[in-house]
Amino acid sequence: TDLLLGSTATDAIRPTTLASLAPQSAQAFGVPGLERGGGP
């Protein structure tokens, strides 16, 4: 959960369960691009 939220905006709301994390995490990593892997 911490890794998924590691690149989110500072005001991101931490989900209470991992199951509810998927939509937020996809947005956080820029899905469909999800290109933070190559970023700084």
PDB file of all heavy atoms in Angstrom:
ATOM      1  N   THR A   1       0.828  -1.205   0.000  1.00  0.00           N
ATOM      2  CA  THR A   1       0.000   0.000   0.000  1.00  0.00           C
ATOM      3  C   THR A   1       0.861   1.253   0.000  1.00  0.00           C
ATOM      4  O   THR A   1       0.606   2.203  -0.744  1.00  0.00           O
ATOM      5  CB  THR A   1      -0.930   0.007   1.231  1.00  0.00           C
ATOM      6  OG1 THR A   1      -1.739  -1.165   1.225  1.00  0.00           O
ATOM      7  CG2 THR A   1      -1.824   1.235   1.223  1.00  0.00           C
ATOM      8  N   ASP A   2       1.916   1.247   0.820  1.00  0.00           N
ATOM      9  CA  ASP A   2       2.805   2.410   0.873  1.00  0.00           C
ATOM     10  C   ASP A   2       3.492   2.641  -0.467  1.00  0.00           C
ATOM     11  O   ASP A   2       3.639   3.786  -0.912  1.00  0.00           O
ATOM     12  CB  ASP A   2       3.859   2.231   1.971  1.00  0.00           C
ATOM     13  CG  ASP A   2       3.255   2.290   3.364  1.00  0.00           C
ATOM     14  OD1 ASP A   2       2.125   2.806   3.496  1.00  0.00           O
ATOM     15  OD2 ASP A   2       3.909   1.811   4.307  1.00  0.00           O
ATOM     16  N   LEU A   3       3.915   1.562  -1.121  1.00  0.00           N
ATOM     17  CA  LEU A   3       4.566   1.719  -2.421  1.00  0.00           C
ATOM     18  C   LEU A   3       3.591   2.244  -3.465  1.00  0.00           C
ATOM     19  O   LEU A   3       3.944   3.087  -4.293  1.00  0.00           O
ATOM     20  CB  LEU A   3       5.148   0.388  -2.888  1.00  0.00           C
ATOM     21  CG  LEU A   3       6.330  -0.174  -2.093  1.00  0.00           C
ATOM     22  CD1 LEU A   3       6.874  -1.415  -2.778  1.00  0.00           C
ATOM     23  CD2 LEU A   3       7.432   0.855  -1.933  1.00  0.00           C
ATOM     24  N   LEU A   4       2.365   1.746  -3.418  1.00  0.00           N
ATOM     25  CA  LEU A   4       1.367   2.206  -4.381  1.00  0.00           C
ATOM     26  C   LEU A   4       1.062   3.685  -4.200  1.00  0.00           C
ATOM     27  O   LEU A   4       0.820   4.408  -5.158  1.00  0.00           O
ATOM     28  CB  LEU A   4       0.080   1.386  -4.228  1.00  0.00           C
ATOM     29  CG  LEU A   4       0.115  -0.032  -4.794  1.00  0.00           C
ATOM     30  CD1 LEU A   4      -1.078  -0.831  -4.301  1.00  0.00           C
ATOM     31  CD2 LEU A   4       0.123   0.002  -6.314  1.00  0.00           C
ATOM     32  N   LEU A   5       1.104   4.132  -2.964  1.00  0.00           N
ATOM     33  CA  LEU A   5       0.797   5.534  -2.680  1.00  0.00           C
ATOM     34  C   LEU A   5       2.040   6.418  -2.712  1.00  0.00           C
ATOM     35  O   LEU A   5       1.943   7.618  -2.530  1.00  0.00           O
ATOM     36  CB  LEU A   5       0.128   5.649  -1.299  1.00  0.00           C
ATOM     37  CG  LEU A   5      -1.260   5.014  -1.197  1.00  0.00           C
ATOM     38  CD1 LEU A   5      -1.768   5.102   0.233  1.00  0.00           C
ATOM     39  CD2 LEU A   5      -2.236   5.702  -2.144  1.00  0.00           C
ATOM     40  N   GLY A   6       3.212   5.823  -2.958  1.00  0.00           N
ATOM     41  CA  GLY A   6       4.447   6.589  -2.889  1.00  0.00           C
ATOM     42  C   GLY A   6       4.542   7.716  -3.893  1.00  0.00           C
ATOM     43  O   GLY A   6       5.265   8.686  -3.678  1.00  0.00           O
ATOM     44  N   SER A   7       3.827   7.631  -5.008  1.00  0.00           N
ATOM     45  CA  SER A   7       3.915   8.667  -6.026  1.00  0.00           C
ATOM     46  C   SER A   7       2.622   9.452  -6.177  1.00  0.00           C
ATOM     47  O   SER A   7       2.417  10.152  -7.150  1.00  0.00           O
ATOM     48  CB  SER A   7       4.286   8.034  -7.374  1.00  0.00           C
ATOM     49  OG  SER A   7       5.535   7.426  -7.319  1.00  0.00           O
ATOM     50  N   THR A   8       1.746   9.357  -5.203  1.00  0.00           N
ATOM     51  CA  THR A   8       0.490  10.081  -5.306  1.00  0.00           C
ATOM     52  C   THR A   8       0.655  11.520  -4.853  1.00  0.00           C
ATOM     53  O   THR A   8       1.674  11.915  -4.303  1.00  0.00           O
ATOM     54  CB  THR A   8      -0.597   9.427  -4.421  1.00  0.00           C
ATOM     55  OG1 THR A   8      -0.137   9.442  -3.058  1.00  0.00           O
ATOM     56  CG2 THR A   8      -0.848   7.994  -4.847  1.00  0.00           C
ATOM     57  N   ALA A   9      -0.377  12.321  -5.092  1.00  0.00           N
ATOM     58  CA  ALA A   9      -0.364  13.702  -4.632  1.00  0.00           C
ATOM     59  C   ALA A   9      -0.357  13.733  -3.113  1.00  0.00           C
ATOM     60  O   ALA A   9      -0.775  12.793  -2.445  1.00  0.00           O
ATOM     61  CB  ALA A   9      -1.602  14.433  -5.164  1.00  0.00           C
ATOM     62  N   THR A  10       0.127  14.824  -2.544  1.00  0.00           N
ATOM     63  CA  THR A  10       0.267  14.905  -1.092  1.00  0.00           C
ATOM     64  C   THR A  10      -1.072  14.858  -0.385  1.00  0.00           C
ATOM     65  O   THR A  10      -1.142  14.512   0.789  1.00  0.00           O
ATOM     66  CB  THR A  10       0.981  16.204  -0.709  1.00  0.00           C
ATOM     67  OG1 THR A  10       0.268  17.316  -1.270  1.00  0.00           O
ATOM     68  CG2 THR A  10       2.392  16.214  -1.241  1.00  0.00           C
ATOM     69  N   ASP A  11      -2.132  15.198  -1.093  1.00  0.00           N
ATOM     70  CA  ASP A  11      -3.449  15.188  -0.453  1.00  0.00           C
ATOM     71  C   ASP A  11      -4.213  13.893  -0.729  1.00  0.00           C
ATOM     72  O   ASP A  11      -5.425  13.838  -0.513  1.00  0.00           O
ATOM     73  CB  ASP A  11      -4.278  16.387  -0.918  1.00  0.00           C
ATOM     74  CG  ASP A  11      -4.498  16.382  -2.427  1.00  0.00           C
ATOM     75  OD1 ASP A  11      -3.802  15.601  -3.122  1.00  0.00           O
ATOM     76  OD2 ASP A  11      -5.353  17.149  -2.908  1.00  0.00           O
ATOM     77  N   ALA A  12      -3.517  12.868  -1.214  1.00  0.00           N
ATOM     78  CA  ALA A  12      -4.191  11.604  -1.489  1.00  0.00           C
ATOM     79  C   ALA A  12      -4.728  11.001  -0.202  1.00  0.00           C
ATOM     80  O   ALA A  12      -4.096  11.071   0.847  1.00  0.00           O
ATOM     81  CB  ALA A  12      -3.227  10.616  -2.143  1.00  0.00           C
ATOM     82  N   ILE A  13      -5.889  10.418  -0.284  1.00  0.00           N
ATOM     83  CA  ILE A  13      -6.521   9.813   0.886  1.00  0.00           C
ATOM     84  C   ILE A  13      -6.085   8.362   0.975  1.00  0.00           C
ATOM     85  O   ILE A  13      -6.243   7.598   0.032  1.00  0.00           O
ATOM     86  CB  ILE A  13      -8.053   9.901   0.788  1.00  0.00           C
ATOM     87  CG1 ILE A  13      -8.481  11.371   0.715  1.00  0.00           C
ATOM     88  CG2 ILE A  13      -8.722   9.206   1.964  1.00  0.00           C
ATOM     89  CD1 ILE A  13      -9.960  11.557   0.478  1.00  0.00           C
ATOM     90  N   ARG A  14      -5.510   7.983   2.096  1.00  0.00           N
ATOM     91  CA  ARG A  14      -5.067   6.594   2.278  1.00  0.00           C
ATOM     92  C   ARG A  14      -6.299   5.695   2.430  1.00  0.00           C
ATOM     93  O   ARG A  14      -7.141   5.921   3.288  1.00  0.00           O
ATOM     94  CB  ARG A  14      -4.196   6.481   3.526  1.00  0.00           C
ATOM     95  CG  ARG A  14      -3.675   5.062   3.754  1.00  0.00           C
ATOM     96  CD  ARG A  14      -2.788   5.028   4.971  1.00  0.00           C
ATOM     97  NE  ARG A  14      -1.598   5.835   4.761  1.00  0.00           N
ATOM     98  CZ  ARG A  14      -0.505   5.400   4.136  1.00  0.00           C
ATOM     99  NH1 ARG A  14      -0.465   4.172   3.674  1.00  0.00           N
ATOM    100  NH2 ARG A  14       0.537   6.189   3.985  1.00  0.00           N
ATOM    101  N   PRO A  15      -6.418   4.664   1.595  1.00  0.00           N
ATOM    102  CA  PRO A  15      -7.567   3.752   1.692  1.00  0.00           C
ATOM    103  C   PRO A  15      -7.471   2.899   2.950  1.00  0.00           C
ATOM    104  O   PRO A  15      -6.389   2.658   3.466  1.00  0.00           O
ATOM    105  CB  PRO A  15      -7.441   2.893   0.428  1.00  0.00           C
ATOM    106  CG  PRO A  15      -5.987   2.912   0.131  1.00  0.00           C
ATOM    107  CD  PRO A  15      -5.480   4.271   0.554  1.00  0.00           C
ATOM    108  N   THR A  16      -8.599   2.445   3.410  1.00  0.00           N
ATOM    109  CA  THR A  16      -8.614   1.622   4.620  1.00  0.00           C
ATOM    110  C   THR A  16      -8.282   0.177   4.317  1.00  0.00           C
ATOM    111  O   THR A  16      -7.816  -0.546   5.177  1.00  0.00           O
ATOM    112  CB  THR A  16      -9.995   1.689   5.292  1.00  0.00           C
ATOM    113  OG1 THR A  16     -10.992   1.284   4.349  1.00  0.00           O
ATOM    114  CG2 THR A  16     -10.294   3.094   5.764  1.00  0.00           C
ATOM    115  N   THR A  17      -8.504  -0.261   3.093  1.00  0.00           N
ATOM    116  CA  THR A  17      -8.183  -1.638   2.722  1.00  0.00           C
ATOM    117  C   THR A  17      -7.531  -1.642   1.354  1.00  0.00           C
ATOM    118  O   THR A  17      -7.753  -0.755   0.531  1.00  0.00           O
ATOM    119  CB  THR A  17      -9.443  -2.536   2.667  1.00  0.00           C
ATOM    120  OG1 THR A  17     -10.298  -2.045   1.640  1.00  0.00           O
ATOM    121  CG2 THR A  17     -10.173  -2.549   3.994  1.00  0.00           C
ATOM    122  N   LEU A  18      -6.734  -2.654   1.093  1.00  0.00           N
ATOM    123  CA  LEU A  18      -6.057  -2.754  -0.201  1.00  0.00           C
ATOM    124  C   LEU A  18      -7.064  -2.961  -1.319  1.00  0.00           C
ATOM    125  O   LEU A  18      -6.839  -2.534  -2.445  1.00  0.00           O
ATOM    126  CB  LEU A  18      -5.056  -3.910  -0.177  1.00  0.00           C
ATOM    127  CG  LEU A  18      -4.124  -4.007  -1.378  1.00  0.00           C
ATOM    128  CD1 LEU A  18      -3.309  -2.736  -1.520  1.00  0.00           C
ATOM    129  CD2 LEU A  18      -3.219  -5.217  -1.244  1.00  0.00           C
ATOM    130  N   ALA A  19      -8.194  -3.618  -1.011  1.00  0.00           N
ATOM    131  CA  ALA A  19      -9.183  -3.879  -2.053  1.00  0.00           C
ATOM    132  C   ALA A  19      -9.720  -2.588  -2.646  1.00  0.00           C
ATOM    133  O   ALA A  19     -10.014  -2.513  -3.835  1.00  0.00           O
ATOM    134  CB  ALA A  19     -10.336  -4.718  -1.491  1.00  0.00           C
ATOM    135  N   SER A  20      -9.868  -1.560  -1.818  1.00  0.00           N
ATOM    136  CA  SER A  20     -10.395  -0.291  -2.318  1.00  0.00           C
ATOM    137  C   SER A  20      -9.307   0.587  -2.903  1.00  0.00           C
ATOM    138  O   SER A  20      -9.563   1.692  -3.354  1.00  0.00           O
ATOM    139  CB  SER A  20     -11.098   0.468  -1.183  1.00  0.00           C
ATOM    140  OG  SER A  20     -10.148   0.817  -0.175  1.00  0.00           O
ATOM    141  N   LEU A  21      -8.079   0.083  -2.910  1.00  0.00           N
ATOM    142  CA  LEU A  21      -6.957   0.880  -3.367  1.00  0.00           C
ATOM    143  C   LEU A  21      -6.837   0.920  -4.876  1.00  0.00           C
ATOM    144  O   LEU A  21      -6.350   1.889  -5.438  1.00  0.00           O
ATOM    145  CB  LEU A  21      -5.662   0.314  -2.779  1.00  0.00           C
ATOM    146  CG  LEU A  21      -4.345   1.023  -3.118  1.00  0.00           C
ATOM    147  CD1 LEU A  21      -4.365   2.452  -2.613  1.00  0.00           C
ATOM    148  CD2 LEU A  21      -3.173   0.266  -2.529  1.00  0.00           C
ATOM    149  N   ALA A  22      -7.298  -0.147  -5.562  1.00  0.00           N
ATOM    150  CA  ALA A  22      -7.032  -0.292  -6.993  1.00  0.00           C
ATOM    151  C   ALA A  22      -7.375   0.939  -7.823  1.00  0.00           C
ATOM    152  O   ALA A  22      -6.542   1.401  -8.595  1.00  0.00           O
ATOM    153  CB  ALA A  22      -7.755  -1.521  -7.530  1.00  0.00           C
ATOM    154  N   PRO A  23      -8.597   1.523  -7.732  1.00  0.00           N
ATOM    155  CA  PRO A  23      -8.884   2.679  -8.564  1.00  0.00           C
ATOM    156  C   PRO A  23      -7.963   3.854  -8.255  1.00  0.00           C
ATOM    157  O   PRO A  23      -7.506   4.548  -9.154  1.00  0.00           O
ATOM    158  CB  PRO A  23     -10.350   3.004  -8.227  1.00  0.00           C
ATOM    159  CG  PRO A  23     -10.899   1.744  -7.668  1.00  0.00           C
ATOM    160  CD  PRO A  23      -9.753   1.106  -6.937  1.00  0.00           C
ATOM    161  N   GLN A  24      -7.667   4.088  -6.945  1.00  0.00           N
ATOM    162  CA  GLN A  24      -6.811   5.197  -6.581  1.00  0.00           C
ATOM    163  C   GLN A  24      -5.392   4.974  -7.058  1.00  0.00           C
ATOM    164  O   GLN A  24      -4.732   5.867  -7.564  1.00  0.00           O
ATOM    165  CB  GLN A  24      -6.807   5.389  -5.062  1.00  0.00           C
ATOM    166  CG  GLN A  24      -8.152   5.831  -4.501  1.00  0.00           C
ATOM    167  CD  GLN A  24      -8.007   6.223  -3.041  1.00  0.00           C
ATOM    168  OE1 GLN A  24      -7.080   6.917  -2.670  1.00  0.00           O
ATOM    169  NE2 GLN A  24      -8.942   5.770  -2.225  1.00  0.00           N
ATOM    170  N   SER A  25      -4.913   3.725  -6.908  1.00  0.00           N
ATOM    171  CA  SER A  25      -3.529   3.453  -7.281  1.00  0.00           C
ATOM    172  C   SER A  25      -3.335   3.571  -8.776  1.00  0.00           C
ATOM    173  O   SER A  25      -2.304   4.037  -9.250  1.00  0.00           O
ATOM    174  CB  SER A  25      -3.119   2.066  -6.800  1.00  0.00           C
ATOM    175  OG  SER A  25      -3.941   1.078  -7.365  1.00  0.00           O
ATOM    176  N   ALA A  26      -4.344   3.143  -9.551  1.00  0.00           N
ATOM    177  CA  ALA A  26      -4.226   3.264 -10.997  1.00  0.00           C
ATOM    178  C   ALA A  26      -4.114   4.730 -11.393  1.00  0.00           C
ATOM    179  O   ALA A  26      -3.309   5.110 -12.240  1.00  0.00           O
ATOM    180  CB  ALA A  26      -5.445   2.620 -11.659  1.00  0.00           C
ATOM    181  N   GLN A  27      -4.910   5.580 -10.741  1.00  0.00           N
ATOM    182  CA  GLN A  27      -4.858   7.006 -11.031  1.00  0.00           C
ATOM    183  C   GLN A  27      -3.542   7.599 -10.550  1.00  0.00           C
ATOM    184  O   GLN A  27      -2.929   8.426 -11.213  1.00  0.00           O
ATOM    185  CB  GLN A  27      -6.026   7.719 -10.347  1.00  0.00           C
ATOM    186  CG  GLN A  27      -6.067   9.216 -10.646  1.00  0.00           C
ATOM    187  CD  GLN A  27      -7.249   9.874  -9.972  1.00  0.00           C
ATOM    188  OE1 GLN A  27      -7.939   9.252  -9.166  1.00  0.00           O
ATOM    189  NE2 GLN A  27      -7.480  11.123 -10.301  1.00  0.00           N
ATOM    190  N   ALA A  28      -3.069   7.122  -9.375  1.00  0.00           N
ATOM    191  CA  ALA A  28      -1.852   7.667  -8.805  1.00  0.00           C
ATOM    192  C   ALA A  28      -0.644   7.422  -9.692  1.00  0.00           C
ATOM    193  O   ALA A  28       0.224   8.272  -9.841  1.00  0.00           O
ATOM    194  CB  ALA A  28      -1.606   7.031  -7.429  1.00  0.00           C
ATOM    195  N   PHE A  29      -0.601   6.216 -10.302  1.00  0.00           N
ATOM    196  CA  PHE A  29       0.537   5.901 -11.139  1.00  0.00           C
ATOM    197  C   PHE A  29       0.339   6.350 -12.581  1.00  0.00           C
ATOM    198  O   PHE A  29       1.155   6.064 -13.447  1.00  0.00           O
ATOM    199  CB  PHE A  29       0.796   4.388 -11.131  1.00  0.00           C
ATOM    200  CG  PHE A  29       1.585   3.935  -9.951  1.00  0.00           C
ATOM    201  CD1 PHE A  29       0.940   3.414  -8.839  1.00  0.00           C
ATOM    202  CD2 PHE A  29       2.961   4.030  -9.929  1.00  0.00           C
ATOM    203  CE1 PHE A  29       1.665   2.976  -7.751  1.00  0.00           C
ATOM    204  CE2 PHE A  29       3.693   3.587  -8.842  1.00  0.00           C
ATOM    205  CZ  PHE A  29       3.031   3.078  -7.746  1.00  0.00           C
ATOM    206  N   GLY A  30      -0.781   7.034 -12.872  1.00  0.00           N
ATOM    207  CA  GLY A  30      -0.999   7.536 -14.209  1.00  0.00           C
ATOM    208  C   GLY A  30      -1.466   6.491 -15.191  1.00  0.00           C
ATOM    209  O   GLY A  30      -1.178   6.566 -16.375  1.00  0.00           O
ATOM    210  N   VAL A  31      -2.207   5.466 -14.735  1.00  0.00           N
ATOM    211  CA  VAL A  31      -2.746   4.484 -15.655  1.00  0.00           C
ATOM    212  C   VAL A  31      -3.635   5.213 -16.654  1.00  0.00           C
ATOM    213  O   VAL A  31      -4.398   6.079 -16.269  1.00  0.00           O
ATOM    214  CB  VAL A  31      -3.548   3.423 -14.869  1.00  0.00           C
ATOM    215  CG1 VAL A  31      -4.322   2.528 -15.826  1.00  0.00           C
ATOM    216  CG2 VAL A  31      -2.620   2.601 -13.998  1.00  0.00           C
ATOM    217  N   PRO A  32      -3.595   4.938 -18.004  1.00  0.00           N
ATOM    218  CA  PRO A  32      -2.943   3.760 -18.543  1.00  0.00           C
ATOM    219  C   PRO A  32      -1.449   3.880 -18.788  1.00  0.00           C
ATOM    220  O   PRO A  32      -0.807   2.902 -19.155  1.00  0.00           O
ATOM    221  CB  PRO A  32      -3.674   3.526 -19.874  1.00  0.00           C
ATOM    222  CG  PRO A  32      -4.093   4.890 -20.294  1.00  0.00           C
ATOM    223  CD  PRO A  32      -4.415   5.632 -19.023  1.00  0.00           C
ATOM    224  N   GLY A  33      -0.854   5.029 -18.615  1.00  0.00           N
ATOM    225  CA  GLY A  33       0.580   5.161 -18.855  1.00  0.00           C
ATOM    226  C   GLY A  33       1.426   4.510 -17.790  1.00  0.00           C
ATOM    227  O   GLY A  33       2.322   3.742 -18.075  1.00  0.00           O
ATOM    228  N   LEU A  34       1.141   4.822 -16.531  1.00  0.00           N
ATOM    229  CA  LEU A  34       1.874   4.275 -15.386  1.00  0.00           C
ATOM    230  C   LEU A  34       3.368   4.349 -15.608  1.00  0.00           C
ATOM    231  O   LEU A  34       4.090   3.396 -15.444  1.00  0.00           O
ATOM    232  CB  LEU A  34       1.450   2.831 -15.116  1.00  0.00           C
ATOM    233  CG  LEU A  34       1.788   2.329 -13.693  1.00  0.00           C
ATOM    234  CD1 LEU A  34       0.914   2.990 -12.662  1.00  0.00           C
ATOM    235  CD2 LEU A  34       1.603   0.828 -13.603  1.00  0.00           C
ATOM    236  N   GLU A  35       3.848   5.524 -15.995  1.00  0.00           N
ATOM    237  CA  GLU A  35       5.240   5.626 -16.420  1.00  0.00           C
ATOM    238  C   GLU A  35       6.176   6.140 -15.342  1.00  0.00           C
ATOM    239  O   GLU A  35       7.270   6.562 -15.618  1.00  0.00           O
ATOM    240  CB  GLU A  35       5.336   6.540 -17.654  1.00  0.00           C
ATOM    241  CG  GLU A  35       4.646   5.984 -18.854  1.00  0.00           C
ATOM    242  CD  GLU A  35       5.064   4.579 -19.199  1.00  0.00           C
ATOM    243  OE1 GLU A  35       6.181   4.171 -18.834  1.00  0.00           O
ATOM    244  OE2 GLU A  35       4.283   3.861 -19.813  1.00  0.00           O
ATOM    245  N   ARG A  36       5.777   6.086 -14.081  1.00  0.00           N
ATOM    246  CA  ARG A  36       6.685   6.523 -13.030  1.00  0.00           C
ATOM    247  C   ARG A  36       7.909   5.617 -12.933  1.00  0.00           C
ATOM    248  O   ARG A  36       8.897   5.972 -12.328  1.00  0.00           O
ATOM    249  CB  ARG A  36       5.969   6.590 -11.689  1.00  0.00           C
ATOM    250  CG  ARG A  36       4.953   7.716 -11.581  1.00  0.00           C
ATOM    251  CD  ARG A  36       5.598   9.080 -11.817  1.00  0.00           C
ATOM    252  NE  ARG A  36       6.596   9.367 -10.807  1.00  0.00           N
ATOM    253  CZ  ARG A  36       6.348   9.971  -9.655  1.00  0.00           C
ATOM    254  NH1 ARG A  36       5.123  10.342  -9.343  1.00  0.00           N
ATOM    255  NH2 ARG A  36       7.314  10.214  -8.786  1.00  0.00           N
ATOM    256  N   GLY A  37       7.816   4.416 -13.520  1.00  0.00           N
ATOM    257  CA  GLY A  37       8.953   3.502 -13.480  1.00  0.00           C
ATOM    258  C   GLY A  37      10.188   4.103 -14.128  1.00  0.00           C
ATOM    259  O   GLY A  37      11.320   3.844 -13.737  1.00  0.00           O
ATOM    260  N   GLY A  38      10.002   4.930 -15.161  1.00  0.00           N
ATOM    261  CA  GLY A  38      11.143   5.483 -15.834  1.00  0.00           C
ATOM    262  C   GLY A  38      11.501   6.885 -15.385  1.00  0.00           C
ATOM    263  O   GLY A  38      12.476   7.461 -15.833  1.00  0.00           O
ATOM    264  N   GLY A  39      10.707   7.445 -14.467  1.00  0.00           N
ATOM    265  CA  GLY A  39      10.907   8.828 -14.048  1.00  0.00           C
ATOM    266  C   GLY A  39      11.999   8.984 -13.030  1.00  0.00           C
ATOM    267  O   GLY A  39      12.640   8.017 -12.636  1.00  0.00           O
ATOM    268  N   PRO A  40      12.229  10.201 -12.556  1.00  0.00           N
ATOM    269  CA  PRO A  40      13.304  10.450 -11.594  1.00  0.00           C
ATOM    270  C   PRO A  40      12.977   9.924 -10.212  1.00  0.00           C
ATOM    271  O   PRO A  40      11.855   9.640  -9.929  1.00  0.00           O
ATOM    272  CB  PRO A  40      13.457  11.972 -11.614  1.00  0.00           C
ATOM    273  CG  PRO A  40      12.097  12.471 -12.020  1.00  0.00           C
ATOM    274  CD  PRO A  40      11.555  11.456 -12.963  1.00  0.00           C
TER     275      PRO A  40
END
